[in-house]
Amino acid sequence: MKRVDCAEDVPRYAARAVHYLKCVVAISSLCTACAQLPVQTKDFACEGAPGFDPRAFGSRLLVLGEIHGTSEVPRIAKDLVCQAIAEKRSPVLLLLELDGSQSPALARYVASDGTQEERCAFLAHFEWARPGQDGRTTVAMFELIDFVRAMKRIGHPVEVAAFAGGTDQQYADNIARQLDQKPQAWAVAVVGNLHAAKQPLTYGGRNIVPAVSLLERYAPVSLNMVASGGTFWGIFDGTQGVHDLDDYRDVGLAPDMLRYGQLSFEPNIAGGLRYDGCFGIGQATATPPGAQLCQ
């Protein structure tokens, strides 16, 4: 979103006295736009999406297909929630690839004061505390949830829900249930990029019907993550920890399309017809398991 500098515009308009009254109205309108962003709380700033494209709001469901375990993807989801808040979309629904059984715990935490005791009670849920951490329950992902809590505390209509299940069909059913329960909501879902594909595919010798391909009635806009390199936290080749993201670096895209927050809506540059485009995260940085916040 373009930021308007009200201080620069006032002298220019005021000097034209013959149009003074019209300029007062115009300046007032511009300053209203200035006030939309950033949204500020004690602990969080809401700046909006740096590479925002209005087509992100072209459907009521935007999907970010990610490689789990980077700091950047949760930050981009936060930026998009901020953009939706600034544009007065209501309510805003954040959908996360966490086990659906977490939904009650999520609801309790985002309604809380966010004390250390409340934080650790939430992070004690089995998905956050289990030994095998695949990058979905990271420090950055918890910070995204905590951001939603902070926005709700100051009155913004933003919700968060978990939708993961044992199969892509269960993923799709859980997402559909959330959308049907909140028919006026604009939603952004963060999910592994295989689940985010819009057409069936074969991966690792398996035929997959991705969750997002089962949600056609909602006309989802699905973007695939691209990066200029870096690292991620996950389980790769049987090893848990920080891994190299270089396999996702050389995708033949212009450097501008890889930079953090850049949204690109060209299907043929993002996995054939399986995605509607891509979103850049720049140089990725691995984020560790969220449980360490209570250790």
Protein backbone atom coordinates (compact mmCIF):
# COMPACT_ATOMS: atom_id res chain seq x y z
CA MET A 1 0.00 0.00 0.00
CA LYS A 2 1.39 3.42 -0.93
CA ARG A 3 2.06 5.61 2.10
CA VAL A 4 0.89 9.22 1.88
CA ASP A 5 3.02 11.97 3.40
CA CYS A 6 0.44 14.43 4.68
CA ALA A 7 3.08 16.88 5.91
CA GLU A 8 4.42 17.35 2.37
CA ASP A 9 0.99 17.83 0.80
CA VAL A 10 -0.37 20.47 3.22
CA PRO A 11 1.80 23.46 2.14
CA ARG A 12 1.31 22.71 -1.54
CA TYR A 13 -2.47 22.67 -1.26
CA ALA A 14 -2.74 25.53 1.25
CA ALA A 15 -0.81 27.90 -1.03
CA ARG A 16 -3.61 27.75 -3.56
CA ALA A 17 -6.05 29.89 -1.57
CA VAL A 18 -8.72 29.92 -4.25
CA HIS A 19 -9.12 26.18 -3.80
CA TYR A 20 -8.63 26.25 -0.04
CA LEU A 21 -11.90 24.59 0.94
CA LYS A 22 -11.51 21.79 -1.60
CA CYS A 23 -7.96 21.22 -0.44
CA VAL A 24 -8.99 20.90 3.20
CA VAL A 25 -11.34 18.10 2.17
CA ALA A 26 -8.65 16.45 0.02
CA ILE A 27 -6.01 16.67 2.74
CA SER A 28 -8.42 15.25 5.29
CA SER A 29 -9.03 12.29 2.99
CA LEU A 30 -5.32 11.73 2.46
CA CYS A 31 -4.60 11.84 6.18
CA THR A 32 -7.31 9.25 6.76
CA ALA A 33 -5.35 6.97 4.43
CA CYS A 34 -2.21 7.72 6.45
CA ALA A 35 -3.96 6.61 9.63
CA GLN A 36 -4.81 3.15 8.30
CA LEU A 37 -1.23 1.89 8.62
CA PRO A 38 0.69 1.17 10.68
CA VAL A 39 -1.50 -0.31 13.39
CA GLN A 40 0.48 -0.18 16.62
CA THR A 41 0.20 -2.02 19.92
CA LYS A 42 2.67 -2.11 22.79
CA ASP A 43 4.51 -5.10 21.32
CA PHE A 44 3.52 -5.28 17.64
CA ALA A 45 3.67 -3.00 14.61
CA CYS A 46 1.37 -3.72 11.67
CA GLU A 47 3.01 -2.29 8.56
CA GLY A 48 1.19 -4.02 5.71
CA ALA A 49 2.57 -6.16 2.88
CA PRO A 50 5.64 -4.65 1.11
CA GLY A 51 4.99 -6.30 -2.27
CA PHE A 52 1.22 -6.23 -2.02
CA ASP A 53 -0.88 -6.81 -5.13
CA PRO A 54 -4.68 -6.26 -4.95
CA ARG A 55 -5.19 -9.62 -6.64
CA ALA A 56 -4.37 -11.18 -3.27
CA PHE A 57 -7.89 -10.11 -2.31
CA GLY A 58 -9.40 -11.40 -5.56
CA SER A 59 -10.85 -14.40 -3.74
CA ARG A 60 -12.04 -14.92 -0.19
CA LEU A 61 -9.28 -17.56 0.24
CA LEU A 62 -5.58 -16.84 -0.36
CA VAL A 63 -3.25 -19.83 0.07
CA LEU A 64 0.48 -19.53 0.80
CA GLY A 65 2.14 -22.82 -0.18
CA GLU A 66 5.34 -22.99 1.84
CA ILE A 67 8.39 -25.02 2.72
CA HIS A 68 7.91 -25.33 6.48
CA GLY A 69 10.35 -23.90 8.98
CA THR A 70 11.31 -20.43 7.71
CA SER A 71 10.99 -17.18 9.63
CA GLU A 72 9.80 -15.35 6.55
CA VAL A 73 6.54 -17.12 5.64
CA PRO A 74 4.82 -16.41 9.00
CA ARG A 75 5.99 -12.78 8.67
CA ILE A 76 4.43 -12.53 5.20
CA ALA A 77 1.19 -14.00 6.55
CA LYS A 78 1.29 -11.32 9.27
CA ASP A 79 1.87 -8.62 6.64
CA LEU A 80 -1.15 -9.80 4.67
CA VAL A 81 -3.33 -9.85 7.78
CA CYS A 82 -2.20 -6.27 8.44
CA GLN A 83 -3.09 -5.30 4.89
CA ALA A 84 -6.55 -6.83 5.31
CA ILE A 85 -7.03 -4.97 8.61
CA ALA A 86 -5.98 -1.69 6.97
CA GLU A 87 -8.47 -2.24 4.15
CA LYS A 88 -11.18 -2.95 6.71
CA ARG A 89 -11.89 -6.49 5.59
CA SER A 90 -13.93 -8.08 8.33
CA PRO A 91 -13.43 -10.55 9.72
CA VAL A 92 -9.94 -11.74 8.79
CA LEU A 93 -9.33 -15.47 9.21
CA LEU A 94 -5.84 -16.97 9.52
CA LEU A 95 -5.77 -20.72 8.81
CA LEU A 96 -2.72 -22.70 9.93
CA GLU A 97 -1.55 -26.22 9.13
CA LEU A 98 -1.75 -27.34 12.73
CA ASP A 99 -3.65 -30.36 13.99
CA GLY A 100 -7.37 -29.62 14.16
CA SER A 101 -7.38 -30.75 17.78
CA GLN A 102 -5.43 -27.56 18.58
CA SER A 103 -8.38 -25.31 17.75
CA PRO A 104 -9.72 -25.09 21.36
CA ALA A 105 -6.22 -24.37 22.69
CA LEU A 106 -5.71 -21.76 19.96
CA ALA A 107 -8.99 -20.08 20.87
CA ARG A 108 -8.04 -19.99 24.55
CA TYR A 109 -4.62 -18.54 23.88
CA VAL A 110 -5.71 -15.78 21.48
CA ALA A 111 -8.35 -14.75 24.05
CA SER A 112 -5.74 -14.58 26.82
CA ASP A 113 -3.39 -11.88 28.12
CA GLY A 114 -0.42 -13.75 26.65
CA THR A 115 1.38 -14.21 29.96
CA GLN A 116 4.33 -16.58 30.16
CA GLU A 117 2.14 -19.07 32.02
CA GLU A 118 -0.55 -18.90 29.31
CA ARG A 119 2.06 -19.11 26.57
CA CYS A 120 3.63 -22.25 28.05
CA ALA A 121 0.24 -23.87 28.62
CA PHE A 122 -0.44 -23.49 24.89
CA LEU A 123 3.03 -24.70 23.87
CA ALA A 124 2.55 -27.83 26.00
CA HIS A 125 0.11 -29.16 23.35
CA PHE A 126 1.48 -32.42 21.94
CA GLU A 127 2.11 -31.01 18.46
CA TRP A 128 4.44 -28.34 19.84
CA ALA A 129 6.07 -30.57 22.45
CA ARG A 130 6.66 -33.79 20.49
CA PRO A 131 10.26 -34.82 19.69
CA GLY A 132 9.86 -34.75 15.89
CA GLN A 133 9.46 -31.13 14.78
CA ASP A 134 8.81 -30.72 11.04
CA GLY A 135 8.78 -26.91 10.91
CA ARG A 136 5.06 -26.23 11.40
CA THR A 137 5.34 -25.43 15.12
CA THR A 138 8.21 -22.97 15.20
CA VAL A 139 9.07 -19.81 17.10
CA ALA A 140 8.04 -17.75 14.06
CA MET A 141 4.71 -19.56 13.80
CA PHE A 142 4.01 -18.97 17.48
CA GLU A 143 4.87 -15.28 17.02
CA LEU A 144 2.27 -15.15 14.23
CA ILE A 145 -0.33 -16.61 16.59
CA ASP A 146 0.71 -14.16 19.30
CA PHE A 147 0.31 -11.32 16.82
CA VAL A 148 -3.30 -12.38 16.21
CA ARG A 149 -3.84 -12.38 19.97
CA ALA A 150 -2.48 -8.81 20.19
CA MET A 151 -4.65 -7.59 17.30
CA LYS A 152 -7.76 -9.09 18.90
CA ARG A 153 -6.90 -7.41 22.20
CA ILE A 154 -7.14 -3.98 20.57
CA GLY A 155 -10.40 -4.82 18.84
CA HIS A 156 -9.49 -5.97 15.34
CA PRO A 157 -11.78 -8.70 13.92
CA VAL A 158 -9.12 -11.33 13.25
CA GLU A 159 -9.40 -15.05 14.05
CA VAL A 160 -7.05 -18.03 13.81
CA ALA A 161 -7.93 -21.70 13.32
CA ALA A 162 -6.16 -25.04 12.77
CA PHE A 163 -7.14 -27.31 9.89
CA ALA A 164 -4.63 -30.17 9.53
CA GLY A 165 -5.89 -33.74 9.45
CA GLY A 166 -4.68 -37.14 8.35
CA THR A 167 -5.47 -36.66 4.64
CA ASP A 168 -5.76 -33.87 2.09
CA GLN A 169 -9.51 -34.48 2.05
CA GLN A 170 -9.62 -33.78 5.79
CA TYR A 171 -7.54 -30.64 5.26
CA ALA A 172 -10.04 -29.47 2.65
CA ASP A 173 -13.07 -30.37 4.76
CA ASN A 174 -11.69 -28.47 7.77
CA ILE A 175 -10.90 -25.38 5.70
CA ALA A 176 -14.35 -25.50 4.09
CA ARG A 177 -15.98 -25.75 7.52
CA GLN A 178 -14.15 -22.62 8.70
CA LEU A 179 -15.12 -20.68 5.57
CA ASP A 180 -18.75 -21.79 5.79
CA GLN A 181 -18.94 -20.79 9.46
CA LYS A 182 -17.63 -17.30 8.58
CA PRO A 183 -19.14 -16.52 5.16
CA GLN A 184 -18.07 -12.85 5.27
CA ALA A 185 -14.43 -13.59 6.16
CA TRP A 186 -11.35 -13.08 4.01
CA ALA A 187 -8.97 -15.94 4.79
CA VAL A 188 -5.27 -16.61 4.32
CA ALA A 189 -4.08 -20.20 4.75
CA VAL A 190 -0.47 -21.23 5.38
CA VAL A 191 0.16 -24.81 4.27
CA GLY A 192 2.87 -27.02 2.77
CA ASN A 193 3.16 -26.36 -0.93
CA LEU A 194 2.14 -29.87 -2.00
CA HIS A 195 -1.21 -29.40 -0.23
CA ALA A 196 -1.51 -25.97 -1.89
CA ALA A 197 -1.37 -27.26 -5.47
CA LYS A 198 -4.54 -26.84 -7.54
CA GLN A 199 -4.15 -29.96 -9.66
CA PRO A 200 -3.36 -33.61 -8.84
CA LEU A 201 0.34 -34.45 -8.88
CA THR A 202 2.79 -37.28 -8.35
CA TYR A 203 5.43 -36.91 -5.64
CA GLY A 204 7.72 -39.55 -4.21
CA GLY A 205 5.94 -42.22 -6.22
CA ARG A 206 2.56 -41.24 -4.76
CA ASN A 207 -0.42 -39.82 -6.60
CA ILE A 208 -1.69 -36.85 -4.60
CA VAL A 209 -4.98 -34.99 -4.82
CA PRO A 210 -4.01 -31.79 -2.97
CA ALA A 211 -6.30 -30.15 -0.44
CA VAL A 212 -6.60 -26.89 -2.37
CA SER A 213 -7.65 -28.74 -5.52
CA LEU A 214 -10.67 -29.95 -3.53
CA LEU A 215 -11.75 -26.39 -2.69
CA GLU A 216 -12.67 -25.18 -6.19
CA ARG A 217 -16.07 -23.89 -5.07
CA TYR A 218 -14.27 -21.17 -3.06
CA ALA A 219 -12.13 -20.13 -6.07
CA PRO A 220 -8.92 -20.06 -3.99
CA VAL A 221 -5.88 -18.07 -5.09
CA SER A 222 -2.86 -20.29 -4.41
CA LEU A 223 0.73 -18.99 -4.44
CA ASN A 224 3.89 -21.11 -4.26
CA MET A 225 6.89 -20.03 -2.17
CA VAL A 226 10.12 -19.08 -3.94
CA ALA A 227 13.38 -18.00 -2.32
CA SER A 228 16.86 -16.78 -3.19
CA GLY A 229 18.36 -19.42 -0.89
CA GLY A 230 18.92 -19.74 2.83
CA THR A 231 17.84 -22.27 5.43
CA PHE A 232 14.76 -23.84 6.99
CA TRP A 233 14.00 -26.00 10.02
CA GLY A 234 12.50 -29.39 9.32
CA ILE A 235 12.91 -33.13 8.99
CA PHE A 236 14.79 -33.89 5.79
CA ASP A 237 16.25 -37.27 4.80
CA GLY A 238 15.41 -38.48 8.29
CA THR A 239 17.38 -35.69 9.99
CA GLN A 240 15.73 -33.00 12.11
CA GLY A 241 17.27 -29.56 12.27
CA VAL A 242 18.44 -26.70 10.06
CA HIS A 243 18.65 -27.56 6.35
CA ASP A 244 19.79 -25.77 3.22
CA LEU A 245 17.09 -24.23 1.01
CA ASP A 246 19.28 -23.98 -2.09
CA ASP A 247 17.12 -26.49 -3.96
CA TYR A 248 14.43 -23.77 -4.11
CA ARG A 249 16.76 -21.00 -5.24
CA ASP A 250 17.37 -21.56 -8.95
CA VAL A 251 13.86 -21.50 -10.36
CA GLY A 252 14.60 -19.28 -13.35
CA LEU A 253 12.80 -16.25 -11.93
CA ALA A 254 13.88 -12.63 -12.09
CA PRO A 255 15.57 -11.49 -8.85
CA ASP A 256 12.75 -9.03 -8.13
CA MET A 257 10.29 -11.92 -7.96
CA LEU A 258 12.32 -13.62 -5.24
CA ARG A 259 12.52 -10.67 -2.88
CA TYR A 260 10.71 -10.73 0.43
CA GLY A 261 6.96 -10.12 0.17
CA GLN A 262 6.79 -9.97 -3.62
CA LEU A 263 3.52 -11.43 -4.91
CA SER A 264 3.47 -12.56 -8.56
CA PHE A 265 0.33 -13.75 -10.33
CA GLU A 266 1.57 -15.68 -13.36
CA PRO A 267 0.62 -19.39 -13.27
CA ASN A 268 3.27 -20.55 -15.74
CA ILE A 269 6.13 -19.35 -13.48
CA ALA A 270 5.01 -21.29 -10.44
CA GLY A 271 4.86 -24.99 -11.11
CA GLY A 272 2.95 -25.09 -14.38
CA LEU A 273 -0.78 -24.71 -13.79
CA ARG A 274 -0.63 -26.05 -10.25
CA TYR A 275 -0.48 -22.58 -8.67
CA ASP A 276 -1.84 -19.15 -9.51
CA GLY A 277 1.56 -17.55 -8.98
CA CYS A 278 4.26 -17.29 -6.36
CA PHE A 279 5.38 -15.27 -3.37
CA GLY A 280 9.00 -14.42 -2.64
CA ILE A 281 10.63 -14.72 0.76
CA GLY A 282 14.13 -13.51 -0.18
CA GLN A 283 16.95 -15.19 1.74
CA ALA A 284 15.28 -17.65 4.10
CA THR A 285 16.28 -18.08 7.73
CA ALA A 286 15.47 -21.20 9.72
CA THR A 287 13.29 -20.78 12.81
CA PRO A 288 13.59 -23.33 15.66
CA PRO A 289 10.79 -25.22 17.44
CA GLY A 290 8.47 -22.99 19.46
CA ALA A 291 8.72 -25.21 22.54
CA GLN A 292 12.12 -23.69 23.28
CA LEU A 293 10.31 -20.51 24.37
CA CYS A 294 9.38 -22.36 27.57
CA GLN A 295 12.65 -24.16 28.22
